[in-house]
Amino acid sequence: MDLGAADSDAGTLHVDCDDCAVRGHGCKDCVISVLLGVPDTLLADERQALEVLADAGLAPRLRLVPIHRRRADGVA
């Protein structure tokens, strides 16, 4: 390893929340969320993906209950 070599990524930190192992329930304690904020809503495809994972036992069920629900939506 050459510590003197120029690196185009030197001084750059790349954080990809999509690859975070604790995304969702861990966001409230994450420094990135403190700096940038937590998204207020999940997109429909994100909710559907989380439901599929929960159905397979790979993720906990969403506990999100929207403030303004439509009658046909059911419980989140």
PDB file of N, CA and C in Angstrom:
ATOM      1  N   MET A   1       0.843  -1.178   0.000  1.00  0.00           N
ATOM      2  CA  MET A   1       0.000   0.000   0.000  1.00  0.00           C
ATOM      3  C   MET A   1       0.883   1.233   0.000  1.00  0.00           C
ATOM      4  N   ASP A   2       0.692   2.098  -0.952  1.00  0.00           N
ATOM      5  CA  ASP A   2       1.485   3.316  -1.082  1.00  0.00           C
ATOM      6  C   ASP A   2       0.695   4.485  -0.510  1.00  0.00           C
ATOM      7  N   LEU A   3       1.056   4.914   0.691  1.00  0.00           N
ATOM      8  CA  LEU A   3       0.337   5.999   1.337  1.00  0.00           C
ATOM      9  C   LEU A   3       0.589   7.343   0.682  1.00  0.00           C
ATOM     10  N   GLY A   4       1.628   7.445  -0.110  1.00  0.00           N
ATOM     11  CA  GLY A   4       1.937   8.705  -0.767  1.00  0.00           C
ATOM     12  C   GLY A   4       1.244   8.861  -2.113  1.00  0.00           C
ATOM     13  N   ALA A   5       0.626   7.818  -2.612  1.00  0.00           N
ATOM     14  CA  ALA A   5      -0.017   7.875  -3.928  1.00  0.00           C
ATOM     15  C   ALA A   5      -1.257   8.760  -3.886  1.00  0.00           C
ATOM     16  N   ALA A   6      -1.484   9.467  -4.982  1.00  0.00           N
ATOM     17  CA  ALA A   6      -2.675  10.310  -5.101  1.00  0.00           C
ATOM     18  C   ALA A   6      -3.900   9.423  -5.279  1.00  0.00           C
ATOM     19  N   ASP A   7      -4.948   9.735  -4.558  1.00  0.00           N
ATOM     20  CA  ASP A   7      -6.195   8.973  -4.636  1.00  0.00           C
ATOM     21  C   ASP A   7      -7.318   9.949  -4.942  1.00  0.00           C
ATOM     22  N   SER A   8      -8.058   9.691  -6.012  1.00  0.00           N
ATOM     23  CA  SER A   8      -9.117  10.613  -6.407  1.00  0.00           C
ATOM     24  C   SER A   8     -10.241  10.665  -5.376  1.00  0.00           C
ATOM     25  N   ASP A   9     -10.370   9.647  -4.523  1.00  0.00           N
ATOM     26  CA  ASP A   9     -11.408   9.631  -3.501  1.00  0.00           C
ATOM     27  C   ASP A   9     -10.901  10.093  -2.135  1.00  0.00           C
ATOM     28  N   ALA A  10      -9.673  10.571  -2.068  1.00  0.00           N
ATOM     29  CA  ALA A  10      -9.115  11.002  -0.788  1.00  0.00           C
ATOM     30  C   ALA A  10      -9.959  12.132  -0.210  1.00  0.00           C
ATOM     31  N   GLY A  11     -10.335  11.990   1.048  1.00  0.00           N
ATOM     32  CA  GLY A  11     -11.127  13.018   1.703  1.00  0.00           C
ATOM     33  C   GLY A  11     -12.608  12.947   1.388  1.00  0.00           C
ATOM     34  N   THR A  12     -13.038  11.940   0.661  1.00  0.00           N
ATOM     35  CA  THR A  12     -14.444  11.798   0.295  1.00  0.00           C
ATOM     36  C   THR A  12     -15.046  10.608   1.025  1.00  0.00           C
ATOM     37  N   LEU A  13     -16.210  10.805   1.585  1.00  0.00           N
ATOM     38  CA  LEU A  13     -16.934   9.725   2.240  1.00  0.00           C
ATOM     39  C   LEU A  13     -18.220   9.498   1.472  1.00  0.00           C
ATOM     40  N   HIS A  14     -18.428   8.278   1.017  1.00  0.00           N
ATOM     41  CA  HIS A  14     -19.642   7.923   0.278  1.00  0.00           C
ATOM     42  C   HIS A  14     -20.520   7.072   1.183  1.00  0.00           C
ATOM     43  N   VAL A  15     -21.721   7.552   1.467  1.00  0.00           N
ATOM     44  CA  VAL A  15     -22.668   6.813   2.292  1.00  0.00           C
ATOM     45  C   VAL A  15     -23.868   6.470   1.424  1.00  0.00           C
ATOM     46  N   ASP A  16     -24.187   5.183   1.332  1.00  0.00           N
ATOM     47  CA  ASP A  16     -25.326   4.729   0.540  1.00  0.00           C
ATOM     48  C   ASP A  16     -26.325   4.081   1.487  1.00  0.00           C
ATOM     49  N   CYS A  17     -27.373   4.800   1.827  1.00  0.00           N
ATOM     50  CA  CYS A  17     -28.366   4.289   2.772  1.00  0.00           C
ATOM     51  C   CYS A  17     -29.077   3.048   2.240  1.00  0.00           C
ATOM     52  N   ASP A  18     -29.114   2.866   0.924  1.00  0.00           N
ATOM     53  CA  ASP A  18     -29.750   1.682   0.348  1.00  0.00           C
ATOM     54  C   ASP A  18     -29.036   0.406   0.764  1.00  0.00           C
ATOM     55  N   ASP A  19     -27.752   0.492   1.069  1.00  0.00           N
ATOM     56  CA  ASP A  19     -26.977  -0.683   1.462  1.00  0.00           C
ATOM     57  C   ASP A  19     -26.837  -0.829   2.974  1.00  0.00           C
ATOM     58  N   CYS A  20     -27.507   0.026   3.733  1.00  0.00           N
ATOM     59  CA  CYS A  20     -27.388  -0.009   5.190  1.00  0.00           C
ATOM     60  C   CYS A  20     -28.157  -1.199   5.758  1.00  0.00           C
ATOM     61  N   ALA A  21     -27.508  -1.955   6.624  1.00  0.00           N
ATOM     62  CA  ALA A  21     -28.124  -3.144   7.222  1.00  0.00           C
ATOM     63  C   ALA A  21     -29.243  -2.795   8.195  1.00  0.00           C
ATOM     64  N   VAL A  22     -29.247  -1.591   8.743  1.00  0.00           N
ATOM     65  CA  VAL A  22     -30.275  -1.213   9.714  1.00  0.00           C
ATOM     66  C   VAL A  22     -31.148  -0.065   9.211  1.00  0.00           C
ATOM     67  N   ARG A  23     -31.224   0.097   7.895  1.00  0.00           N
ATOM     68  CA  ARG A  23     -32.037   1.163   7.316  1.00  0.00           C
ATOM     69  C   ARG A  23     -33.479   1.027   7.799  1.00  0.00           C
ATOM     70  N   GLY A  24     -34.073   2.123   8.113  1.00  0.00           N
ATOM     71  CA  GLY A  24     -35.446   2.130   8.616  1.00  0.00           C
ATOM     72  C   GLY A  24     -35.436   2.321  10.110  1.00  0.00           C
ATOM     73  N   HIS A  25     -35.364   1.220  10.863  1.00  0.00           N
ATOM     74  CA  HIS A  25     -35.420   1.322  12.323  1.00  0.00           C
ATOM     75  C   HIS A  25     -34.163   1.944  12.914  1.00  0.00           C
ATOM     76  N   GLY A  26     -33.048   1.912  12.201  1.00  0.00           N
ATOM     77  CA  GLY A  26     -31.813   2.488  12.714  1.00  0.00           C
ATOM     78  C   GLY A  26     -31.588   3.930  12.304  1.00  0.00           C
ATOM     79  N   CYS A  27     -32.437   4.456  11.424  1.00  0.00           N
ATOM     80  CA  CYS A  27     -32.238   5.817  10.908  1.00  0.00           C
ATOM     81  C   CYS A  27     -32.268   6.888  11.999  1.00  0.00           C
ATOM     82  N   LYS A  28     -33.127   6.707  12.996  1.00  0.00           N
ATOM     83  CA  LYS A  28     -33.263   7.757  14.016  1.00  0.00           C
ATOM     84  C   LYS A  28     -31.989   7.962  14.823  1.00  0.00           C
ATOM     85  N   ASP A  29     -31.130   6.951  14.897  1.00  0.00           N
ATOM     86  CA  ASP A  29     -29.886   7.060  15.648  1.00  0.00           C
ATOM     87  C   ASP A  29     -28.668   7.287  14.758  1.00  0.00           C
ATOM     88  N   CYS A  30     -28.872   7.455  13.473  1.00  0.00           N
ATOM     89  CA  CYS A  30     -27.768   7.569  12.520  1.00  0.00           C
ATOM     90  C   CYS A  30     -27.311   9.019  12.375  1.00  0.00           C
ATOM     91  N   VAL A  31     -26.013   9.210  12.337  1.00  0.00           N
ATOM     92  CA  VAL A  31     -25.469  10.560  12.182  1.00  0.00           C
ATOM     93  C   VAL A  31     -25.865  11.170  10.837  1.00  0.00           C
ATOM     94  N   ILE A  32     -26.029  10.351   9.812  1.00  0.00           N
ATOM     95  CA  ILE A  32     -26.448  10.874   8.506  1.00  0.00           C
ATOM     96  C   ILE A  32     -27.849  11.464   8.607  1.00  0.00           C
ATOM     97  N   SER A  33     -28.745  10.792   9.329  1.00  0.00           N
ATOM     98  CA  SER A  33     -30.097  11.311   9.525  1.00  0.00           C
ATOM     99  C   SER A  33     -30.085  12.600  10.335  1.00  0.00           C
ATOM    100  N   VAL A  34     -29.166  12.693  11.277  1.00  0.00           N
ATOM    101  CA  VAL A  34     -29.043  13.920  12.063  1.00  0.00           C
ATOM    102  C   VAL A  34     -28.615  15.070  11.161  1.00  0.00           C
ATOM    103  N   LEU A  35     -27.672  14.791  10.269  1.00  0.00           N
ATOM    104  CA  LEU A  35     -27.160  15.837   9.385  1.00  0.00           C
ATOM    105  C   LEU A  35     -28.115  16.171   8.245  1.00  0.00           C
ATOM    106  N   LEU A  36     -28.729  15.152   7.648  1.00  0.00           N
ATOM    107  CA  LEU A  36     -29.537  15.358   6.445  1.00  0.00           C
ATOM    108  C   LEU A  36     -31.032  15.193   6.654  1.00  0.00           C
ATOM    109  N   GLY A  37     -31.440  14.614   7.766  1.00  0.00           N
ATOM    110  CA  GLY A  37     -32.856  14.374   8.024  1.00  0.00           C
ATOM    111  C   GLY A  37     -33.289  13.008   7.529  1.00  0.00           C
ATOM    112  N   VAL A  38     -34.421  12.532   8.054  1.00  0.00           N
ATOM    113  CA  VAL A  38     -34.990  11.243   7.678  1.00  0.00           C
ATOM    114  C   VAL A  38     -36.141  11.509   6.720  1.00  0.00           C
ATOM    115  N   PRO A  39     -36.264  10.721   5.645  1.00  0.00           N
ATOM    116  CA  PRO A  39     -37.383  10.950   4.725  1.00  0.00           C
ATOM    117  C   PRO A  39     -38.723  10.777   5.442  1.00  0.00           C
ATOM    118  N   ASP A  40     -39.679  11.654   5.123  1.00  0.00           N
ATOM    119  CA  ASP A  40     -40.990  11.618   5.773  1.00  0.00           C
ATOM    120  C   ASP A  40     -41.864  10.466   5.304  1.00  0.00           C
ATOM    121  N   THR A  41     -41.695  10.063   4.050  1.00  0.00           N
ATOM    122  CA  THR A  41     -42.581   9.048   3.488  1.00  0.00           C
ATOM    123  C   THR A  41     -41.789   8.000   2.731  1.00  0.00           C
ATOM    124  N   LEU A  42     -42.391   6.855   2.567  1.00  0.00           N
ATOM    125  CA  LEU A  42     -41.835   5.805   1.720  1.00  0.00           C
ATOM    126  C   LEU A  42     -42.628   5.792   0.425  1.00  0.00           C
ATOM    127  N   LEU A  43     -41.949   5.569  -0.676  1.00  0.00           N
ATOM    128  CA  LEU A  43     -42.629   5.444  -1.958  1.00  0.00           C
ATOM    129  C   LEU A  43     -43.413   4.142  -1.980  1.00  0.00           C
ATOM    130  N   ALA A  44     -44.403   4.058  -2.858  1.00  0.00           N
ATOM    131  CA  ALA A  44     -45.255   2.867  -2.938  1.00  0.00           C
ATOM    132  C   ALA A  44     -44.432   1.610  -3.191  1.00  0.00           C
ATOM    133  N   ASP A  45     -43.432   1.694  -4.080  1.00  0.00           N
ATOM    134  CA  ASP A  45     -42.623   0.504  -4.370  1.00  0.00           C
ATOM    135  C   ASP A  45     -41.743   0.120  -3.178  1.00  0.00           C
ATOM    136  N   GLU A  46     -41.317   1.099  -2.378  1.00  0.00           N
ATOM    137  CA  GLU A  46     -40.543   0.805  -1.173  1.00  0.00           C
ATOM    138  C   GLU A  46     -41.421   0.104  -0.132  1.00  0.00           C
ATOM    139  N   ARG A  47     -42.664   0.594   0.036  1.00  0.00           N
ATOM    140  CA  ARG A  47     -43.593  -0.052   0.970  1.00  0.00           C
ATOM    141  C   ARG A  47     -43.891  -1.480   0.537  1.00  0.00           C
ATOM    142  N   GLN A  48     -44.113  -1.677  -0.769  1.00  0.00           N
ATOM    143  CA  GLN A  48     -44.409  -3.014  -1.278  1.00  0.00           C
ATOM    144  C   GLN A  48     -43.226  -3.958  -1.044  1.00  0.00           C
ATOM    145  N   ALA A  49     -42.023  -3.476  -1.286  1.00  0.00           N
ATOM    146  CA  ALA A  49     -40.832  -4.306  -1.076  1.00  0.00           C
ATOM    147  C   ALA A  49     -40.699  -4.698   0.395  1.00  0.00           C
ATOM    148  N   LEU A  50     -40.964  -3.767   1.300  1.00  0.00           N
ATOM    149  CA  LEU A  50     -40.889  -4.068   2.729  1.00  0.00           C
ATOM    150  C   LEU A  50     -41.970  -5.062   3.152  1.00  0.00           C
ATOM    151  N   GLU A  51     -43.147  -4.966   2.537  1.00  0.00           N
ATOM    152  CA  GLU A  51     -44.214  -5.930   2.835  1.00  0.00           C
ATOM    153  C   GLU A  51     -43.823  -7.333   2.388  1.00  0.00           C
ATOM    154  N   VAL A  52     -43.197  -7.441   1.215  1.00  0.00           N
ATOM    155  CA  VAL A  52     -42.743  -8.745   0.712  1.00  0.00           C
ATOM    156  C   VAL A  52     -41.701  -9.338   1.660  1.00  0.00           C
ATOM    157  N   LEU A  53     -40.756  -8.520   2.102  1.00  0.00           N
ATOM    158  CA  LEU A  53     -39.738  -8.995   3.044  1.00  0.00           C
ATOM    159  C   LEU A  53     -40.369  -9.424   4.367  1.00  0.00           C
ATOM    160  N   ALA A  54     -41.350  -8.661   4.839  1.00  0.00           N
ATOM    161  CA  ALA A  54     -42.023  -9.011   6.093  1.00  0.00           C
ATOM    162  C   ALA A  54     -42.808 -10.311   5.943  1.00  0.00           C
ATOM    163  N   ASP A  55     -43.478 -10.497   4.808  1.00  0.00           N
ATOM    164  CA  ASP A  55     -44.231 -11.731   4.562  1.00  0.00           C
ATOM    165  C   ASP A  55     -43.316 -12.949   4.578  1.00  0.00           C
ATOM    166  N   ALA A  56     -42.076 -12.759   4.135  1.00  0.00           N
ATOM    167  CA  ALA A  56     -41.106 -13.857   4.098  1.00  0.00           C
ATOM    168  C   ALA A  56     -40.371 -14.015   5.436  1.00  0.00           C
ATOM    169  N   GLY A  57     -40.662 -13.138   6.403  1.00  0.00           N
ATOM    170  CA  GLY A  57     -40.010 -13.217   7.703  1.00  0.00           C
ATOM    171  C   GLY A  57     -38.609 -12.635   7.717  1.00  0.00           C
ATOM    172  N   LEU A  58     -38.270 -11.858   6.696  1.00  0.00           N
ATOM    173  CA  LEU A  58     -36.922 -11.295   6.593  1.00  0.00           C
ATOM    174  C   LEU A  58     -36.811  -9.878   7.142  1.00  0.00           C
ATOM    175  N   ALA A  59     -37.942  -9.269   7.467  1.00  0.00           N
ATOM    176  CA  ALA A  59     -37.947  -7.911   8.006  1.00  0.00           C
ATOM    177  C   ALA A  59     -39.177  -7.758   8.893  1.00  0.00           C
ATOM    178  N   PRO A  60     -39.115  -6.866   9.868  1.00  0.00           N
ATOM    179  CA  PRO A  60     -40.301  -6.646  10.701  1.00  0.00           C
ATOM    180  C   PRO A  60     -41.380  -5.904   9.915  1.00  0.00           C
ATOM    181  N   ARG A  61     -42.619  -6.057  10.325  1.00  0.00           N
ATOM    182  CA  ARG A  61     -43.734  -5.338   9.699  1.00  0.00           C
ATOM    183  C   ARG A  61     -43.561  -3.841   9.927  1.00  0.00           C
ATOM    184  N   LEU A  62     -44.028  -3.053   8.984  1.00  0.00           N
ATOM    185  CA  LEU A  62     -44.011  -1.604   9.136  1.00  0.00           C
ATOM    186  C   LEU A  62     -44.933  -1.204  10.276  1.00  0.00           C
ATOM    187  N   ARG A  63     -44.476  -0.288  11.085  1.00  0.00           N
ATOM    188  CA  ARG A  63     -45.309   0.223  12.169  1.00  0.00           C
ATOM    189  C   ARG A  63     -45.840   1.602  11.829  1.00  0.00           C
ATOM    190  N   LEU A  64     -45.525   2.059  10.647  1.00  0.00           N
ATOM    191  CA  LEU A  64     -45.943   3.378  10.188  1.00  0.00           C
ATOM    192  C   LEU A  64     -47.456   3.429  10.028  1.00  0.00           C
ATOM    193  N   VAL A  65     -48.077   4.383  10.653  1.00  0.00           N
ATOM    194  CA  VAL A  65     -49.495   4.637  10.449  1.00  0.00           C
ATOM    195  C   VAL A  65     -49.593   6.077   9.973  1.00  0.00           C
ATOM    196  N   PRO A  66     -49.904   6.281   8.692  1.00  0.00           N
ATOM    197  CA  PRO A  66     -49.952   7.636   8.146  1.00  0.00           C
ATOM    198  C   PRO A  66     -50.975   8.505   8.877  1.00  0.00           C
ATOM    199  N   ILE A  67     -50.695   9.777   8.992  1.00  0.00           N
ATOM    200  CA  ILE A  67     -51.611  10.704   9.648  1.00  0.00           C
ATOM    201  C   ILE A  67     -52.904  10.815   8.850  1.00  0.00           C
ATOM    202  N   HIS A  68     -52.782  10.931   7.535  1.00  0.00           N
ATOM    203  CA  HIS A  68     -53.943  11.058   6.657  1.00  0.00           C
ATOM    204  C   HIS A  68     -54.077   9.784   5.844  1.00  0.00           C
ATOM    205  N   ARG A  69     -54.982   8.908   6.256  1.00  0.00           N
ATOM    206  CA  ARG A  69     -55.183   7.655   5.537  1.00  0.00           C
ATOM    207  C   ARG A  69     -56.432   7.743   4.694  1.00  0.00           C
ATOM    208  N   ARG A  70     -56.395   7.044   3.570  1.00  0.00           N
ATOM    209  CA  ARG A  70     -57.596   6.884   2.760  1.00  0.00           C
ATOM    210  C   ARG A  70     -58.314   5.650   3.265  1.00  0.00           C
ATOM    211  N   ARG A  71     -59.614   5.601   3.143  1.00  0.00           N
ATOM    212  CA  ARG A  71     -60.430   4.493   3.650  1.00  0.00           C
ATOM    213  C   ARG A  71     -59.968   3.141   3.131  1.00  0.00           C
ATOM    214  N   ALA A  72     -59.603   3.029   1.847  1.00  0.00           N
ATOM    215  CA  ALA A  72     -59.279   1.745   1.228  1.00  0.00           C
ATOM    216  C   ALA A  72     -57.877   1.249   1.574  1.00  0.00           C
ATOM    217  N   ASP A  73     -57.065   2.072   2.217  1.00  0.00           N
ATOM    218  CA  ASP A  73     -55.671   1.706   2.465  1.00  0.00           C
ATOM    219  C   ASP A  73     -55.485   0.617   3.509  1.00  0.00           C
ATOM    220  N   GLY A  74     -56.348   0.535   4.495  1.00  0.00           N
ATOM    221  CA  GLY A  74     -56.129  -0.425   5.570  1.00  0.00           C
ATOM    222  C   GLY A  74     -55.071   0.089   6.526  1.00  0.00           C
ATOM    223  N   VAL A  75     -54.541  -0.799   7.323  1.00  0.00           N
ATOM    224  CA  VAL A  75     -53.540  -0.421   8.322  1.00  0.00           C
ATOM    225  C   VAL A  75     -52.159  -0.659   7.767  1.00  0.00           C
ATOM    226  N   ALA A  76     -51.264   0.283   8.003  1.00  0.00           N
ATOM    227  CA  ALA A  76     -49.888   0.157   7.509  1.00  0.00           C
ATOM    228  C   ALA A  76     -49.138  -0.855   8.318  1.00  0.00           C
TER     229      ALA A  76
END
